[in-house]
Amino acid sequence: MERIVTVVPEDGLHARPASAFVSTAGEFDAAITVAPADGDREPARGDSMLAVTSLGVTGGEDVRITAEGPDAEAALDALEALLQKPADELED
């Protein structure tokens, strides 16, 4: 399963938003990857803070999130909701 999502936090997938993404991805029984939707960069593992931040995704950019496993749909729903929140609404 996959989904294209626009990243709302201004900082993109850096610092707190990336940490929240990795933490949320780890809550599900699914193999998750994330990459810019333009296809210019290889997908990163959703459970790796270093891999996610190294994508250099900025606010307003579209990403392609893929999930495979028993919790794939729930994981995509949660990650989409997370990326659509401004950074100041993310939990630490």
C-alpha atoms as a PDB file:
ATOM      1  CA  MET A   1       0.000   0.000   0.000  1.00  0.00           C
ATOM      2  CA  GLU A   2       1.145   3.531  -0.601  1.00  0.00           C
ATOM      3  CA  ARG A   3      -0.011   7.075  -0.162  1.00  0.00           C
ATOM      4  CA  ILE A   4       1.119  10.502  -1.391  1.00  0.00           C
ATOM      5  CA  VAL A   5       1.033  13.106   1.398  1.00  0.00           C
ATOM      6  CA  THR A   6       1.971  16.792   1.486  1.00  0.00           C
ATOM      7  CA  VAL A   7       4.254  17.562   4.434  1.00  0.00           C
ATOM      8  CA  VAL A   8       2.737  20.432   6.456  1.00  0.00           C
ATOM      9  CA  PRO A   9       5.415  21.173   9.108  1.00  0.00           C
ATOM     10  CA  GLU A  10       7.555  24.066   7.835  1.00  0.00           C
ATOM     11  CA  ASP A  11      10.750  22.224   8.794  1.00  0.00           C
ATOM     12  CA  GLY A  12       9.692  19.228   6.719  1.00  0.00           C
ATOM     13  CA  LEU A  13      11.029  15.896   7.932  1.00  0.00           C
ATOM     14  CA  HIS A  14      13.698  17.340  10.222  1.00  0.00           C
ATOM     15  CA  ALA A  15      14.061  17.327  13.998  1.00  0.00           C
ATOM     16  CA  ARG A  16      10.715  17.001  15.777  1.00  0.00           C
ATOM     17  CA  PRO A  17       8.556  16.033  12.763  1.00  0.00           C
ATOM     18  CA  ALA A  18      11.045  13.316  11.761  1.00  0.00           C
ATOM     19  CA  SER A  19      11.225  12.037  15.329  1.00  0.00           C
ATOM     20  CA  ALA A  20       7.427  11.891  15.503  1.00  0.00           C
ATOM     21  CA  PHE A  21       7.315  10.109  12.118  1.00  0.00           C
ATOM     22  CA  VAL A  22       9.830   7.439  13.222  1.00  0.00           C
ATOM     23  CA  SER A  23       8.105   6.975  16.578  1.00  0.00           C
ATOM     24  CA  THR A  24       4.694   6.591  14.943  1.00  0.00           C
ATOM     25  CA  ALA A  25       6.033   4.211  12.296  1.00  0.00           C
ATOM     26  CA  GLY A  26       7.453   2.013  15.058  1.00  0.00           C
ATOM     27  CA  GLU A  27       4.011   1.536  16.607  1.00  0.00           C
ATOM     28  CA  PHE A  28       2.791  -0.626  13.725  1.00  0.00           C
ATOM     29  CA  ASP A  29       3.485  -4.120  12.453  1.00  0.00           C
ATOM     30  CA  ALA A  30       4.447  -2.910   8.992  1.00  0.00           C
ATOM     31  CA  ALA A  31       7.588  -2.229   6.972  1.00  0.00           C
ATOM     32  CA  ILE A  32       7.398   1.488   6.165  1.00  0.00           C
ATOM     33  CA  THR A  33       9.371   3.573   3.712  1.00  0.00           C
ATOM     34  CA  VAL A  34       9.180   7.256   2.836  1.00  0.00           C
ATOM     35  CA  ALA A  35      10.587   9.202  -0.109  1.00  0.00           C
ATOM     36  CA  PRO A  36       9.931  12.419  -1.987  1.00  0.00           C
ATOM     37  CA  ALA A  37       7.064  11.792  -4.398  1.00  0.00           C
ATOM     38  CA  ASP A  38       9.116  13.155  -7.299  1.00  0.00           C
ATOM     39  CA  GLY A  39      11.111   9.904  -7.296  1.00  0.00           C
ATOM     40  CA  ASP A  40      14.490  11.671  -7.309  1.00  0.00           C
ATOM     41  CA  ARG A  41      15.727   9.961  -4.135  1.00  0.00           C
ATOM     42  CA  GLU A  42      15.699   6.393  -2.873  1.00  0.00           C
ATOM     43  CA  PRO A  43      13.110   5.575  -0.201  1.00  0.00           C
ATOM     44  CA  ALA A  44      14.252   5.664   3.417  1.00  0.00           C
ATOM     45  CA  ARG A  45      13.264   3.207   6.109  1.00  0.00           C
ATOM     46  CA  GLY A  46      10.530   4.759   8.213  1.00  0.00           C
ATOM     47  CA  ASP A  47      12.051   3.440  11.445  1.00  0.00           C
ATOM     48  CA  SER A  48      15.392   5.225  10.991  1.00  0.00           C
ATOM     49  CA  MET A  49      15.710   8.824  12.183  1.00  0.00           C
ATOM     50  CA  LEU A  50      18.950   9.291  10.253  1.00  0.00           C
ATOM     51  CA  ALA A  51      17.465   7.904   7.037  1.00  0.00           C
ATOM     52  CA  VAL A  52      14.297  10.010   7.298  1.00  0.00           C
ATOM     53  CA  THR A  53      16.120  13.277   8.035  1.00  0.00           C
ATOM     54  CA  SER A  54      18.700  12.633   5.314  1.00  0.00           C
ATOM     55  CA  LEU A  55      15.936  12.772   2.676  1.00  0.00           C
ATOM     56  CA  GLY A  56      15.945  16.556   3.015  1.00  0.00           C
ATOM     57  CA  VAL A  57      12.162  16.807   2.677  1.00  0.00           C
ATOM     58  CA  THR A  58      10.884  20.347   3.213  1.00  0.00           C
ATOM     59  CA  GLY A  59       7.501  21.721   4.227  1.00  0.00           C
ATOM     60  CA  GLY A  60       5.021  21.731   1.351  1.00  0.00           C
ATOM     61  CA  GLU A  61       6.789  18.863  -0.430  1.00  0.00           C
ATOM     62  CA  ASP A  62       4.889  15.688  -1.350  1.00  0.00           C
ATOM     63  CA  VAL A  63       6.180  12.368  -0.059  1.00  0.00           C
ATOM     64  CA  ARG A  64       5.301   8.802  -0.984  1.00  0.00           C
ATOM     65  CA  ILE A  65       4.800   6.602   2.065  1.00  0.00           C
ATOM     66  CA  THR A  66       4.640   2.859   1.549  1.00  0.00           C
ATOM     67  CA  ALA A  67       3.669   0.241   4.105  1.00  0.00           C
ATOM     68  CA  GLU A  68       3.637  -3.514   3.908  1.00  0.00           C
ATOM     69  CA  GLY A  69       2.358  -5.831   6.611  1.00  0.00           C
ATOM     70  CA  PRO A  70      -0.681  -6.523   8.789  1.00  0.00           C
ATOM     71  CA  ASP A  71      -0.960  -2.913  10.016  1.00  0.00           C
ATOM     72  CA  ALA A  72      -0.184  -1.240   6.666  1.00  0.00           C
ATOM     73  CA  GLU A  73      -3.424   0.689   6.267  1.00  0.00           C
ATOM     74  CA  ALA A  74      -3.515   1.854   9.890  1.00  0.00           C
ATOM     75  CA  ALA A  75       0.126   2.928   9.650  1.00  0.00           C
ATOM     76  CA  LEU A  76      -0.537   4.971   6.513  1.00  0.00           C
ATOM     77  CA  ASP A  77      -3.564   6.605   8.139  1.00  0.00           C
ATOM     78  CA  ALA A  78      -1.559   7.577  11.237  1.00  0.00           C
ATOM     79  CA  LEU A  79       1.460   8.835   9.284  1.00  0.00           C
ATOM     80  CA  GLU A  80      -0.699  10.862   6.908  1.00  0.00           C
ATOM     81  CA  ALA A  81      -2.474  12.500   9.862  1.00  0.00           C
ATOM     82  CA  LEU A  82       0.880  13.223  11.504  1.00  0.00           C
ATOM     83  CA  LEU A  83       2.382  14.886   8.438  1.00  0.00           C
ATOM     84  CA  GLN A  84      -0.684  17.084   8.035  1.00  0.00           C
ATOM     85  CA  LYS A  85      -0.182  18.720  11.447  1.00  0.00           C
ATOM     86  CA  PRO A  86       1.865  21.901  11.895  1.00  0.00           C
ATOM     87  CA  ALA A  87       5.089  21.300  13.871  1.00  0.00           C
ATOM     88  CA  ASP A  88       3.753  23.125  16.942  1.00  0.00           C
ATOM     89  CA  GLU A  89       0.958  20.540  17.241  1.00  0.00           C
ATOM     90  CA  LEU A  90       3.318  17.550  17.305  1.00  0.00           C
ATOM     91  CA  GLU A  91       3.888  15.815  20.623  1.00  0.00           C
ATOM     92  CA  ASP A  92       7.416  15.483  21.953  1.00  0.00           C
END
